[in-house]
N, C-alpha and C. Protein backbone atom coordinates (compact mmCIF):
# COMPACT_ATOMS: atom_id res chain seq x y z
N MET A 1 0.82 -1.17 -0.02
CA MET A 1 -0.02 0.00 0.01
C MET A 1 0.87 1.24 -0.03
N GLN A 2 0.53 2.24 -0.76
CA GLN A 2 1.22 3.50 -0.86
C GLN A 2 0.69 4.33 0.24
N LEU A 3 1.48 4.69 1.27
CA LEU A 3 1.02 5.50 2.36
C LEU A 3 0.62 6.84 1.96
N LEU A 4 1.41 7.47 1.13
CA LEU A 4 1.15 8.86 0.81
C LEU A 4 1.11 9.01 -0.72
N THR A 5 0.00 9.23 -1.32
CA THR A 5 -0.12 9.46 -2.71
C THR A 5 0.02 10.92 -3.04
N GLU A 6 0.32 11.18 -4.32
CA GLU A 6 0.42 12.59 -4.76
C GLU A 6 -0.90 13.37 -4.49
N GLU A 7 -1.98 12.74 -4.75
CA GLU A 7 -3.29 13.38 -4.42
C GLU A 7 -3.45 13.75 -3.03
N LEU A 8 -3.04 12.95 -2.12
CA LEU A 8 -3.10 13.17 -0.67
C LEU A 8 -2.19 14.29 -0.31
N LYS A 9 -0.92 14.29 -0.87
CA LYS A 9 0.04 15.39 -0.63
C LYS A 9 -0.56 16.72 -0.93
N GLN A 10 -1.34 16.81 -2.01
CA GLN A 10 -1.96 18.05 -2.42
C GLN A 10 -3.07 18.52 -1.47
N GLN A 11 -3.71 17.53 -0.80
CA GLN A 11 -4.84 17.87 0.11
C GLN A 11 -4.34 18.37 1.46
N ILE A 12 -3.26 17.81 1.89
CA ILE A 12 -2.73 18.10 3.28
C ILE A 12 -2.11 19.54 3.29
N PRO A 13 -2.60 20.41 4.18
CA PRO A 13 -2.06 21.76 4.22
C PRO A 13 -0.65 21.75 4.80
N ALA A 14 0.03 22.87 4.43
CA ALA A 14 1.45 23.03 4.88
C ALA A 14 1.55 23.14 6.40
N LEU A 15 2.70 22.80 6.90
CA LEU A 15 2.97 22.94 8.32
C LEU A 15 2.67 24.34 8.87
N TYR A 16 2.21 24.36 10.07
CA TYR A 16 1.82 25.64 10.70
C TYR A 16 0.60 26.41 10.13
N SER A 17 -0.03 25.90 9.08
CA SER A 17 -1.13 26.59 8.53
C SER A 17 -2.39 26.48 9.32
N GLN A 18 -2.46 25.55 10.28
CA GLN A 18 -3.60 25.41 11.09
C GLN A 18 -3.28 25.64 12.55
N GLU A 19 -2.10 26.18 12.87
CA GLU A 19 -1.63 26.27 14.24
C GLU A 19 -2.53 27.23 15.09
N ASN A 20 -3.25 28.11 14.49
CA ASN A 20 -4.13 29.01 15.24
C ASN A 20 -5.57 28.59 15.22
N GLU A 21 -5.82 27.44 14.55
CA GLU A 21 -7.13 26.85 14.49
C GLU A 21 -7.34 26.07 15.81
N LYS A 22 -8.45 26.41 16.50
CA LYS A 22 -8.77 25.66 17.76
C LYS A 22 -9.15 24.23 17.50
N ASP A 23 -9.73 23.95 16.41
CA ASP A 23 -10.20 22.57 16.08
C ASP A 23 -9.83 22.28 14.65
N PRO A 24 -8.49 21.92 14.34
CA PRO A 24 -8.05 21.74 13.06
C PRO A 24 -8.70 20.57 12.35
N ILE A 25 -8.61 20.59 11.03
CA ILE A 25 -9.06 19.40 10.23
C ILE A 25 -8.06 18.34 10.20
N VAL A 26 -8.45 17.12 10.37
CA VAL A 26 -7.62 16.00 10.21
C VAL A 26 -7.85 15.40 8.78
N TYR A 27 -6.81 15.22 8.01
CA TYR A 27 -6.87 14.89 6.63
C TYR A 27 -6.78 13.38 6.37
N CYS A 28 -6.00 12.70 7.12
CA CYS A 28 -5.80 11.24 6.89
C CYS A 28 -5.34 10.50 8.23
N LYS A 29 -5.49 9.22 8.13
CA LYS A 29 -5.26 8.41 9.31
C LYS A 29 -4.36 7.23 8.87
N PHE A 30 -3.28 7.03 9.64
CA PHE A 30 -2.42 5.90 9.47
C PHE A 30 -2.57 5.02 10.76
N PHE A 31 -2.41 3.75 10.65
CA PHE A 31 -2.59 2.89 11.83
C PHE A 31 -1.69 1.58 11.70
N ASP A 32 -1.42 1.01 12.81
CA ASP A 32 -0.77 -0.26 12.94
C ASP A 32 -1.80 -1.35 12.97
N PRO A 33 -1.85 -2.17 12.01
CA PRO A 33 -2.88 -3.23 11.98
C PRO A 33 -2.82 -4.27 13.06
N THR A 34 -1.67 -4.35 13.62
CA THR A 34 -1.52 -5.43 14.70
C THR A 34 -1.18 -4.80 16.00
N GLY A 35 -1.34 -3.48 16.20
CA GLY A 35 -1.12 -2.79 17.42
C GLY A 35 -2.05 -1.71 17.72
N SER A 36 -1.77 -0.86 18.64
CA SER A 36 -2.65 0.22 19.05
C SER A 36 -2.27 1.61 18.55
N TRP A 37 -1.17 1.75 17.86
CA TRP A 37 -0.67 3.03 17.42
C TRP A 37 -1.55 3.55 16.23
N THR A 38 -1.87 4.83 16.33
CA THR A 38 -2.66 5.57 15.27
C THR A 38 -2.14 6.92 15.07
N TRP A 39 -1.96 7.38 13.86
CA TRP A 39 -1.46 8.70 13.56
C TRP A 39 -2.54 9.44 12.73
N TYR A 40 -2.99 10.61 13.17
CA TYR A 40 -3.97 11.45 12.43
C TYR A 40 -3.21 12.69 11.99
N VAL A 41 -3.28 12.95 10.71
CA VAL A 41 -2.54 14.01 10.05
C VAL A 41 -3.36 15.28 9.95
N THR A 42 -2.82 16.38 10.41
CA THR A 42 -3.49 17.64 10.32
C THR A 42 -2.67 18.58 9.32
N GLU A 43 -1.40 18.39 9.23
CA GLU A 43 -0.60 19.20 8.36
C GLU A 43 0.62 18.36 7.90
N GLY A 44 1.36 18.89 6.83
CA GLY A 44 2.50 18.17 6.41
C GLY A 44 3.13 18.87 5.19
N GLU A 45 4.41 18.62 4.99
CA GLU A 45 5.07 19.14 3.83
C GLU A 45 6.42 18.47 3.61
N GLU A 46 6.95 18.58 2.37
CA GLU A 46 8.20 17.98 2.05
C GLU A 46 9.34 18.88 2.72
N THR A 47 10.31 18.23 3.13
CA THR A 47 11.49 18.95 3.74
C THR A 47 12.57 19.06 2.74
N ASP A 48 13.67 19.75 3.05
CA ASP A 48 14.80 19.96 2.17
C ASP A 48 15.48 18.63 1.87
N ASN A 49 15.41 17.66 2.74
CA ASN A 49 16.11 16.41 2.52
C ASN A 49 15.17 15.24 1.96
N ASP A 50 14.25 15.70 1.13
CA ASP A 50 13.31 14.78 0.48
C ASP A 50 12.55 13.82 1.41
N GLU A 51 12.22 14.41 2.57
CA GLU A 51 11.40 13.65 3.55
C GLU A 51 10.08 14.41 3.56
N PHE A 52 9.04 13.66 4.03
CA PHE A 52 7.75 14.28 4.16
C PHE A 52 7.47 14.31 5.71
N LEU A 53 7.35 15.53 6.28
CA LEU A 53 7.14 15.68 7.67
C LEU A 53 5.69 15.99 7.93
N PHE A 54 5.10 15.26 8.81
CA PHE A 54 3.66 15.40 9.22
C PHE A 54 3.64 16.04 10.62
N PHE A 55 2.46 16.67 10.87
CA PHE A 55 2.12 17.07 12.23
C PHE A 55 0.69 16.59 12.43
N GLY A 56 0.44 16.07 13.63
CA GLY A 56 -0.90 15.57 13.89
C GLY A 56 -1.09 15.01 15.27
N PHE A 57 -2.10 14.33 15.46
CA PHE A 57 -2.48 13.70 16.68
C PHE A 57 -2.01 12.20 16.70
N VAL A 58 -1.21 11.81 17.61
CA VAL A 58 -0.62 10.49 17.64
C VAL A 58 -1.14 9.79 18.87
N ILE A 59 -1.73 8.64 18.70
CA ILE A 59 -2.17 7.79 19.85
C ILE A 59 -1.22 6.56 19.86
N GLY A 60 -0.39 6.55 20.90
CA GLY A 60 0.60 5.44 21.08
C GLY A 60 0.69 5.18 22.56
N PHE A 61 1.81 5.39 23.11
CA PHE A 61 1.97 5.24 24.57
C PHE A 61 1.13 6.22 25.31
N ASP A 62 1.08 7.41 24.73
CA ASP A 62 0.20 8.52 25.15
C ASP A 62 -0.57 9.07 23.96
N ALA A 63 -1.56 9.89 24.17
CA ALA A 63 -2.22 10.60 23.05
C ALA A 63 -1.76 12.04 23.11
N GLU A 64 -1.07 12.45 22.03
CA GLU A 64 -0.52 13.76 22.04
C GLU A 64 -0.26 14.31 20.59
N LEU A 65 -0.18 15.59 20.48
CA LEU A 65 0.13 16.27 19.15
C LEU A 65 1.62 16.17 19.01
N GLY A 66 2.04 15.95 17.75
CA GLY A 66 3.49 15.85 17.48
C GLY A 66 3.84 15.65 16.07
N TYR A 67 5.08 15.66 15.78
CA TYR A 67 5.69 15.50 14.44
C TYR A 67 6.08 14.10 14.17
N PHE A 68 5.96 13.60 12.97
CA PHE A 68 6.43 12.34 12.52
C PHE A 68 6.63 12.37 11.01
N THR A 69 7.51 11.48 10.58
CA THR A 69 7.88 11.51 9.12
C THR A 69 7.29 10.28 8.39
N LEU A 70 7.23 10.41 7.07
CA LEU A 70 6.75 9.27 6.25
C LEU A 70 7.74 8.15 6.38
N SER A 71 9.02 8.44 6.44
CA SER A 71 10.01 7.27 6.57
C SER A 71 9.83 6.58 7.95
N GLN A 72 9.49 7.28 9.03
CA GLN A 72 9.29 6.64 10.27
C GLN A 72 8.13 5.65 10.25
N LEU A 73 7.05 6.03 9.49
CA LEU A 73 5.89 5.16 9.29
C LEU A 73 6.27 4.01 8.44
N GLN A 74 7.17 4.18 7.47
CA GLN A 74 7.49 3.13 6.51
C GLN A 74 8.42 2.12 7.13
N THR A 75 9.20 2.51 8.15
CA THR A 75 10.25 1.67 8.70
C THR A 75 9.90 1.17 10.15
N ALA A 76 8.78 1.60 10.59
CA ALA A 76 8.35 1.32 12.01
C ALA A 76 8.43 -0.11 12.32
N LYS A 77 8.16 -1.01 11.45
CA LYS A 77 7.98 -2.48 11.75
C LYS A 77 9.26 -3.24 11.31
N GLN A 78 10.33 -2.61 10.90
CA GLN A 78 11.52 -3.30 10.48
C GLN A 78 12.08 -4.20 11.61
N GLY A 79 12.50 -5.37 11.23
CA GLY A 79 13.05 -6.25 12.24
C GLY A 79 12.08 -7.14 12.93
N LEU A 80 10.82 -6.90 12.78
CA LEU A 80 9.75 -7.73 13.36
C LEU A 80 9.43 -8.94 12.42
N THR A 81 8.86 -9.90 12.98
CA THR A 81 8.51 -11.15 12.18
C THR A 81 7.10 -11.47 12.47
N GLY A 82 6.55 -12.37 11.61
CA GLY A 82 5.14 -12.81 11.79
C GLY A 82 4.20 -11.74 11.63
N LEU A 83 3.04 -11.88 12.22
CA LEU A 83 1.96 -10.91 12.13
C LEU A 83 2.37 -9.49 12.56
N ARG A 84 3.23 -9.45 13.62
CA ARG A 84 3.68 -8.12 14.05
C ARG A 84 4.42 -7.28 13.03
N ALA A 85 4.91 -8.00 11.95
CA ALA A 85 5.67 -7.32 10.92
C ALA A 85 4.74 -6.68 9.91
N LEU A 86 3.49 -6.85 9.99
CA LEU A 86 2.60 -6.16 8.98
C LEU A 86 2.86 -4.69 9.01
N PRO A 87 3.03 -4.05 7.87
CA PRO A 87 3.40 -2.65 7.81
C PRO A 87 2.24 -1.73 8.22
N ILE A 88 2.66 -0.54 8.60
CA ILE A 88 1.66 0.56 8.88
C ILE A 88 0.82 0.79 7.63
N GLU A 89 -0.42 1.08 7.85
CA GLU A 89 -1.39 1.20 6.73
C GLU A 89 -2.04 2.60 6.81
N ARG A 90 -2.62 3.03 5.68
CA ARG A 90 -3.46 4.18 5.63
C ARG A 90 -4.87 3.74 5.60
N ASP A 91 -5.68 4.38 6.40
CA ASP A 91 -7.11 3.99 6.41
C ASP A 91 -7.80 4.62 5.18
N LEU A 92 -8.05 3.76 4.22
CA LEU A 92 -8.61 4.18 2.92
C LEU A 92 -10.10 4.71 3.04
N TYR A 93 -10.72 4.49 4.14
CA TYR A 93 -12.09 4.81 4.34
C TYR A 93 -12.24 6.02 5.25
N PHE A 94 -11.10 6.53 5.71
CA PHE A 94 -11.19 7.76 6.58
C PHE A 94 -11.65 8.99 5.82
N SER A 95 -12.56 9.72 6.39
CA SER A 95 -12.99 10.94 5.79
C SER A 95 -12.48 12.10 6.63
N PRO A 96 -11.96 13.19 6.00
CA PRO A 96 -11.50 14.35 6.81
C PRO A 96 -12.61 14.78 7.76
N CYS A 97 -12.12 15.16 8.92
CA CYS A 97 -13.04 15.65 9.98
C CYS A 97 -12.24 16.52 10.93
N ARG A 98 -12.90 17.10 11.91
CA ARG A 98 -12.25 17.94 12.89
C ARG A 98 -11.59 17.09 13.95
N LEU A 99 -10.48 17.61 14.51
CA LEU A 99 -9.75 16.94 15.47
C LEU A 99 -10.55 16.53 16.70
N SER A 100 -11.54 17.34 17.09
CA SER A 100 -12.45 17.11 18.17
C SER A 100 -13.24 15.82 17.95
N GLU A 101 -13.56 15.54 16.74
CA GLU A 101 -14.25 14.28 16.39
C GLU A 101 -13.42 13.03 16.60
N VAL A 102 -12.15 13.17 16.22
CA VAL A 102 -11.14 12.09 16.39
C VAL A 102 -10.97 11.82 17.84
N LYS A 103 -10.86 12.83 18.65
CA LYS A 103 -10.62 12.70 20.16
C LYS A 103 -11.81 12.12 20.81
N ALA A 104 -13.00 12.32 20.30
CA ALA A 104 -14.24 11.85 20.97
C ALA A 104 -14.34 10.47 20.83
């Protein structure tokens, strides 16, 4: 599965574009199919070193806002075996919504 398509890149607003928004829009969702980690993207852009940097709401050990990269999502399961090695996926059925809806 392609985690980040060109079409999706065009939809995600640039970093800091929603920083003054009290309830920003979440544009996509990534998840670990065999774990409890979930990443909700509110902003993102390509960096100078050909990386895509996201900002959003991450549910992992804690639930918090933070930065993460496309390569971190792509390599998060390296070294694991069996079912635990299933890669991070993008929720193809996720519809953009407000962050408050995700948190609810």
